[in-house]
Amino acid sequence: VTGKGMTPPQKTLFPPEKISMDWRQKRRPGAGLYNLGSTCYLNVILQCLTYTPPLANYLLSRQHSRFCSQQGFCMMCIMEDHVRKVLYSSATAIRPRAVIRDLKFIGEFKPDIPGDAYEFLRCTLNAMHRACLSGSSNLDASSQETSIIHEIFGGFLRSRVTCLSCKTVFDFFKVFLDVLLKIKGASSLTTALEDFVKPKEVDGKKFFKCSKCKKKVAASKVVTVHHAPRVLTVCLGRADHRSSRKLSQVVEYPEYLDLRPYTSDPDGEPILYSLYAVVVHTGHTCLGGHFFCYTKASNGQWYKMNDVSVDSCAIHTVLGQQAYLLFYAR
């Protein structure tokens, strides 16, 4: 087996043992968020990140801003400020003004144009990750992947490609901050995950260049989770790219998930996750509609967060939704 993409880091930016997966303080849920135009897509992501315990613990400790030398836009400083405001506010709702002011630095978003929550999540985590790297120059790629953002959300996928001519096996490793699952024909998260790790032909068009055969060959490929993240974020791909319609079928998802069967070593000890946030999209197309979310606050209770409103709810309500994004923590 030849492997590629798993070089040990020369420097660790954030020591993983300092990550605290449990809330340091338990309190009632924080404020709702005003919709300032068409901003429900960013409100849900801000809420889900606010209730991500290891991230909130870190942001509330103000460790980043104390040493931040960034001039101008810094997504970590913005999030630090935002999470404090939401969790400590006596107001029932606040305006996420700083995020909206700097939208153009986060990604291609405009406050008055509806956006996609998944894209906003990816752009926000990338912007936070970049903020963690500012002030460190000449870092190798593996060292960059030791930021607090990668330590919390990051894992590795292994693609194991087998040349069908000479049967040589090649391993390729790739870092991920979220997993996008195809849900066409899937009735549950587990069937979508099973499909994700199923062996697939690398298109019969002889796409893979085998370094042993020295030519392009037919190959088969198996993708597995090689290193499980502390926080697993899953997007149930509801966009049907052929018809631009939304796949609105029910995909069941559990409160507790064992990721072990979908890893490179499926027979080891269970890797257990617990659901703590769900983003729901309503509407018939992916471009319009409305986003709201369910999050589990530090007091262990679930709440429906729909822009300004924050209402307590039961777990069976949370598990019966047309989910778009699922957040699980170990």
Protein backbone atom coordinates (compact mmCIF):
# COMPACT_ATOMS: atom_id res chain seq x y z
CA VAL A 1 0.00 0.00 0.00
CA THR A 2 1.37 3.41 -0.92
CA GLY A 3 -0.01 6.40 1.02
CA LYS A 4 -0.12 10.12 0.37
CA GLY A 5 -1.24 13.09 2.45
CA MET A 6 -0.56 12.21 6.11
CA THR A 7 2.63 14.13 6.99
CA PRO A 8 3.01 14.84 10.73
CA PRO A 9 2.89 18.59 11.58
CA GLN A 10 6.15 20.38 12.43
CA LYS A 11 4.33 22.71 14.81
CA THR A 12 1.08 22.41 16.80
CA LEU A 13 -0.90 25.66 16.84
CA PHE A 14 -3.45 24.55 19.42
CA PRO A 15 -2.79 21.70 21.86
CA PRO A 16 -5.73 19.28 21.48
CA GLU A 17 -5.65 18.34 25.17
CA LYS A 18 -6.82 21.89 25.97
CA ILE A 19 -10.12 21.32 24.16
CA SER A 20 -13.02 20.94 26.55
CA MET A 21 -15.97 19.02 25.03
CA ASP A 22 -18.34 19.72 27.94
CA TRP A 23 -19.79 23.12 28.79
CA ARG A 24 -17.67 24.91 31.41
CA GLN A 25 -20.74 26.81 32.59
CA LYS A 26 -24.38 25.76 32.43
CA ARG A 27 -26.93 28.46 31.78
CA ARG A 28 -30.26 29.09 30.11
CA PRO A 29 -30.23 29.59 26.31
CA GLY A 30 -29.08 32.94 24.95
CA ALA A 31 -30.74 35.50 22.71
CA GLY A 32 -32.46 35.03 19.37
CA LEU A 33 -31.15 36.83 16.27
CA TYR A 34 -32.93 39.48 14.22
CA ASN A 35 -33.32 38.76 10.52
CA LEU A 36 -31.73 41.80 8.85
CA GLY A 37 -32.99 41.32 5.28
CA SER A 38 -32.67 37.73 4.08
CA THR A 39 -30.26 36.60 6.75
CA CYS A 40 -31.93 33.48 8.22
CA TYR A 41 -29.21 31.36 6.52
CA LEU A 42 -26.48 33.03 8.58
CA ASN A 43 -28.54 33.22 11.78
CA VAL A 44 -28.89 29.42 11.93
CA ILE A 45 -25.14 28.89 11.49
CA LEU A 46 -24.27 31.51 14.11
CA GLN A 47 -26.65 29.77 16.54
CA CYS A 48 -25.31 26.27 15.82
CA LEU A 49 -21.71 27.46 16.31
CA THR A 50 -22.67 29.32 19.51
CA TYR A 51 -23.97 26.03 20.96
CA THR A 52 -20.94 23.97 19.88
CA PRO A 53 -19.49 23.38 23.38
CA PRO A 54 -15.73 23.14 22.60
CA LEU A 55 -15.90 26.21 20.35
CA ALA A 56 -18.01 28.27 22.76
CA ASN A 57 -15.71 27.35 25.69
CA TYR A 58 -12.72 28.59 23.71
CA LEU A 59 -14.41 31.77 22.47
CA LEU A 60 -15.74 32.66 25.94
CA SER A 61 -12.20 32.33 27.37
CA ARG A 62 -11.13 35.21 25.07
CA GLN A 63 -7.87 33.41 24.37
CA HIS A 64 -7.87 34.52 20.77
CA SER A 65 -8.51 38.26 21.08
CA ARG A 66 -6.00 38.67 23.91
CA PHE A 67 -3.16 37.86 21.52
CA CYS A 68 -4.72 38.85 18.18
CA SER A 69 -2.67 41.33 16.18
CA GLN A 70 -4.88 41.25 13.09
CA GLN A 71 -5.62 44.65 11.59
CA GLY A 72 -9.19 44.96 10.30
CA PHE A 73 -11.34 41.88 9.70
CA CYS A 74 -10.84 38.92 12.05
CA MET A 75 -13.53 36.23 12.09
CA MET A 76 -12.33 34.79 15.41
CA CYS A 77 -12.67 38.18 17.14
CA ILE A 78 -16.11 38.67 15.56
CA MET A 79 -17.28 35.23 16.75
CA GLU A 80 -15.81 35.75 20.21
CA ASP A 81 -17.77 38.94 20.54
CA HIS A 82 -20.92 37.42 19.04
CA VAL A 83 -21.00 34.35 21.30
CA ARG A 84 -20.47 36.48 24.44
CA LYS A 85 -23.28 38.80 23.34
CA VAL A 86 -25.73 35.98 22.63
CA LEU A 87 -25.04 33.94 25.76
CA TYR A 88 -24.72 36.83 28.23
CA SER A 89 -27.36 39.17 26.83
CA SER A 90 -30.43 40.05 28.86
CA ALA A 91 -32.20 40.97 25.61
CA THR A 92 -34.47 38.36 24.00
CA ALA A 93 -32.86 39.01 20.59
CA ILE A 94 -29.79 40.79 19.23
CA ARG A 95 -28.64 42.03 15.82
CA PRO A 96 -25.58 40.21 14.41
CA ARG A 97 -24.33 43.51 12.94
CA ALA A 98 -20.60 42.78 12.87
CA VAL A 99 -21.12 39.58 10.87
CA ILE A 100 -23.32 41.39 8.35
CA ARG A 101 -20.92 44.33 8.11
CA ASP A 102 -18.09 41.95 7.13
CA LEU A 103 -20.11 39.49 5.01
CA LYS A 104 -18.03 40.27 1.92
CA PHE A 105 -14.87 39.07 3.71
CA ILE A 106 -16.54 35.81 4.76
CA GLY A 107 -17.72 34.79 1.29
CA GLU A 108 -19.86 35.87 -1.64
CA PHE A 109 -22.86 36.90 0.44
CA LYS A 110 -25.07 39.98 0.52
CA PRO A 111 -27.48 40.74 3.39
CA ASP A 112 -30.48 41.30 1.12
CA ILE A 113 -29.95 38.19 -1.05
CA PRO A 114 -30.92 34.76 0.36
CA GLY A 115 -27.89 32.54 0.92
CA ASP A 116 -27.23 28.87 1.61
CA ALA A 117 -26.60 27.85 5.23
CA TYR A 118 -24.15 25.09 4.29
CA GLU A 119 -22.05 27.44 2.18
CA PHE A 120 -22.11 30.02 4.97
CA LEU A 121 -20.94 27.39 7.48
CA ARG A 122 -18.03 26.38 5.26
CA CYS A 123 -17.00 29.98 4.60
CA THR A 124 -17.29 30.93 8.28
CA LEU A 125 -15.15 28.01 9.47
CA ASN A 126 -12.58 28.81 6.77
CA ALA A 127 -12.51 32.48 7.80
CA MET A 128 -12.06 31.47 11.46
CA HIS A 129 -9.33 29.03 10.48
CA ARG A 130 -7.52 31.75 8.47
CA ALA A 131 -7.75 34.07 11.49
CA CYS A 132 -6.03 31.39 13.61
CA LEU A 133 -3.16 31.27 11.11
CA SER A 134 -2.56 35.02 11.01
CA GLY A 135 0.68 35.84 12.72
CA SER A 136 2.20 32.44 11.92
CA SER A 137 4.23 32.45 8.73
CA ASN A 138 5.80 29.63 6.72
CA LEU A 139 3.65 26.90 8.26
CA ASP A 140 3.60 23.56 6.46
CA ALA A 141 0.14 22.29 5.46
CA SER A 142 -0.01 19.74 8.30
CA SER A 143 0.81 22.40 10.90
CA GLN A 144 -1.93 24.65 9.51
CA GLU A 145 -4.36 21.81 10.20
CA THR A 146 -3.66 22.08 13.95
CA SER A 147 -5.66 25.30 14.42
CA ILE A 148 -8.46 25.15 17.01
CA ILE A 149 -10.99 25.02 14.14
CA HIS A 150 -9.36 21.92 12.63
CA GLU A 151 -8.87 20.39 16.10
CA ILE A 152 -12.63 20.70 16.72
CA PHE A 153 -14.22 20.10 13.30
CA GLY A 154 -11.43 18.45 11.32
CA GLY A 155 -11.03 14.80 10.45
CA PHE A 156 -9.35 12.79 7.69
CA LEU A 157 -10.93 10.80 4.89
CA ARG A 158 -9.03 7.95 3.28
CA SER A 159 -9.59 7.15 -0.39
CA ARG A 160 -8.31 3.64 -1.07
CA VAL A 161 -7.93 3.17 -4.82
CA THR A 162 -7.25 -0.28 -6.27
CA CYS A 163 -5.92 -0.62 -9.81
CA LEU A 164 -8.07 -3.27 -11.48
CA SER A 165 -5.21 -4.27 -13.79
CA CYS A 166 -2.32 -4.95 -11.38
CA LYS A 167 -4.34 -4.89 -8.12
CA THR A 168 -1.93 -2.40 -6.47
CA VAL A 169 -3.58 -0.42 -3.67
CA PHE A 170 -3.03 3.33 -3.28
CA ASP A 171 -4.15 5.37 -0.24
CA PHE A 172 -4.87 9.11 -0.43
CA PHE A 173 -5.72 11.13 2.70
CA LYS A 174 -7.69 14.33 2.75
CA VAL A 175 -8.66 16.62 5.60
CA PHE A 176 -12.35 17.53 6.00
CA LEU A 177 -14.35 19.94 8.17
CA ASP A 178 -17.75 18.53 7.14
CA VAL A 179 -19.19 15.57 5.23
CA LEU A 180 -21.62 16.10 2.34
CA LEU A 181 -23.84 13.05 1.84
CA LYS A 182 -25.94 12.13 -1.18
CA ILE A 183 -29.45 11.33 0.00
CA LYS A 184 -31.16 10.26 -3.24
CA GLY A 185 -32.78 6.96 -2.33
CA ALA A 186 -31.57 7.13 1.30
CA SER A 187 -34.22 6.81 4.01
CA SER A 188 -31.86 7.45 6.93
CA LEU A 189 -28.50 8.93 7.88
CA THR A 190 -27.12 5.42 8.32
CA THR A 191 -28.12 4.33 4.79
CA ALA A 192 -26.55 7.54 3.40
CA LEU A 193 -23.34 6.80 5.35
CA GLU A 194 -23.35 3.18 4.14
CA ASP A 195 -23.59 4.44 0.58
CA PHE A 196 -20.76 6.92 1.26
CA VAL A 197 -18.33 4.13 2.22
CA LYS A 198 -19.47 1.62 -0.43
CA PRO A 199 -16.82 0.62 -3.04
CA LYS A 200 -17.32 2.57 -6.27
CA GLU A 201 -15.83 2.23 -9.71
CA VAL A 202 -13.59 5.16 -10.62
CA ASP A 203 -15.51 5.98 -13.82
CA GLY A 204 -14.96 3.32 -16.45
CA LYS A 205 -13.29 5.97 -18.59
CA LYS A 206 -9.91 4.84 -17.27
CA PHE A 207 -9.41 7.95 -15.14
CA PHE A 208 -6.84 6.73 -12.67
CA LYS A 209 -3.16 6.83 -13.59
CA CYS A 210 -1.54 3.79 -11.98
CA SER A 211 2.10 4.49 -11.14
CA LYS A 212 2.85 0.79 -11.43
CA CYS A 213 1.16 0.11 -14.77
CA LYS A 214 2.39 3.55 -15.98
CA LYS A 215 -0.92 4.22 -17.73
CA LYS A 216 -4.51 5.24 -17.12
CA VAL A 217 -6.55 2.32 -15.86
CA ALA A 218 -9.95 1.33 -14.53
CA ALA A 219 -9.93 1.33 -10.73
CA SER A 220 -12.20 0.94 -7.74
CA LYS A 221 -12.30 3.35 -4.82
CA VAL A 222 -13.46 3.13 -1.21
CA VAL A 223 -13.76 6.29 0.92
CA THR A 224 -13.74 5.86 4.73
CA VAL A 225 -13.36 8.14 7.75
CA HIS A 226 -9.73 7.61 8.74
CA HIS A 227 -9.59 10.02 11.65
CA ALA A 228 -12.91 10.92 13.29
CA PRO A 229 -13.42 14.59 14.22
CA ARG A 230 -14.43 15.79 17.68
CA VAL A 231 -17.44 17.48 16.11
CA LEU A 232 -18.99 15.84 13.05
CA THR A 233 -20.95 18.11 10.74
CA VAL A 234 -23.06 16.41 8.09
CA CYS A 235 -24.86 18.06 5.19
CA LEU A 236 -27.72 16.04 3.74
CA GLY A 237 -27.41 17.10 0.10
CA ARG A 238 -30.95 18.19 -0.70
CA ALA A 239 -30.05 20.00 -3.93
CA ASP A 240 -30.91 17.86 -6.95
CA HIS A 241 -28.43 19.34 -9.41
CA ARG A 242 -30.14 17.92 -12.47
CA SER A 243 -33.53 19.47 -11.79
CA SER A 244 -32.58 22.27 -9.34
CA ARG A 245 -35.52 20.99 -7.29
CA LYS A 246 -35.07 20.20 -3.65
CA LEU A 247 -35.02 16.59 -2.42
CA SER A 248 -37.53 16.94 0.38
CA GLN A 249 -37.79 13.32 1.49
CA VAL A 250 -37.57 12.42 5.16
CA VAL A 251 -34.12 11.20 6.12
CA GLU A 252 -34.18 9.76 9.63
CA TYR A 253 -31.29 10.63 11.93
CA PRO A 254 -30.53 9.39 15.45
CA GLU A 255 -29.82 11.30 18.64
CA TYR A 256 -26.77 9.05 19.17
CA LEU A 257 -24.54 7.93 16.31
CA ASP A 258 -21.73 5.37 16.20
CA LEU A 259 -19.34 6.41 13.43
CA ARG A 260 -17.20 3.27 13.77
CA PRO A 261 -18.82 1.24 10.90
CA TYR A 262 -17.88 4.01 8.42
CA THR A 263 -14.21 4.24 9.39
CA SER A 264 -11.05 2.64 7.96
CA ASP A 265 -11.09 0.24 10.93
CA PRO A 266 -14.78 -0.74 11.19
CA ASP A 267 -14.26 -3.41 13.87
CA GLY A 268 -12.69 -1.27 16.61
CA GLU A 269 -14.33 0.29 19.68
CA PRO A 270 -17.48 2.39 19.03
CA ILE A 271 -16.95 6.11 18.25
CA LEU A 272 -20.04 7.63 19.79
CA TYR A 273 -21.52 11.01 18.95
CA SER A 274 -24.47 12.88 20.38
CA LEU A 275 -26.64 15.25 18.32
CA TYR A 276 -26.56 18.88 19.51
CA ALA A 277 -27.86 20.97 16.60
CA VAL A 278 -30.00 20.60 13.47
CA VAL A 279 -30.56 23.10 10.64
CA VAL A 280 -33.89 22.79 8.82
CA HIS A 281 -34.79 24.28 5.44
CA THR A 282 -38.42 24.83 4.45
CA GLY A 283 -39.49 25.62 0.88
CA HIS A 284 -39.67 23.76 -2.42
CA THR A 285 -36.47 24.99 -4.02
CA CYS A 286 -33.03 25.33 -2.49
CA LEU A 287 -32.74 28.97 -3.53
CA GLY A 288 -35.77 30.33 -1.70
CA GLY A 289 -37.51 29.23 1.49
CA HIS A 290 -36.49 29.73 5.09
CA PHE A 291 -33.93 28.33 7.54
CA PHE A 292 -34.42 27.71 11.24
CA CYS A 293 -32.60 25.45 13.68
CA TYR A 294 -32.77 23.37 16.84
CA THR A 295 -29.93 23.55 19.34
CA LYS A 296 -29.20 21.96 22.68
CA ALA A 297 -28.25 24.62 25.22
CA SER A 298 -25.74 24.15 28.03
CA ASN A 299 -28.62 23.33 30.43
CA GLY A 300 -29.21 20.14 28.39
CA GLN A 301 -32.56 21.37 27.00
CA TRP A 302 -33.45 21.58 23.30
CA TYR A 303 -34.70 24.85 21.78
CA LYS A 304 -36.16 25.80 18.42
CA MET A 305 -34.36 28.93 17.22
CA ASN A 306 -36.18 30.73 14.45
CA ASP A 307 -34.59 34.17 13.97
CA VAL A 308 -35.75 36.19 17.03
CA SER A 309 -37.72 33.40 18.68
CA VAL A 310 -36.20 30.84 21.06
CA ASP A 311 -38.70 28.22 22.28
CA SER A 312 -38.04 25.08 24.26
CA CYS A 313 -39.03 21.79 22.62
CA ALA A 314 -38.74 18.03 23.08
CA ILE A 315 -36.16 15.73 21.48
CA HIS A 316 -38.85 13.89 19.45
CA THR A 317 -39.67 17.20 17.72
CA VAL A 318 -35.97 17.69 16.94
CA LEU A 319 -35.68 14.20 15.44
CA GLY A 320 -38.75 14.56 13.20
CA GLN A 321 -37.49 17.36 10.94
CA GLN A 322 -36.57 17.69 7.27
CA ALA A 323 -32.96 18.22 8.29
CA TYR A 324 -30.38 19.89 6.07
CA LEU A 325 -27.39 20.07 8.45
CA LEU A 326 -26.69 17.81 11.45
CA PHE A 327 -24.15 18.62 14.16
CA TYR A 328 -22.84 15.77 16.33
CA ALA A 329 -20.26 16.00 19.13
CA ARG A 330 -18.21 13.17 20.64
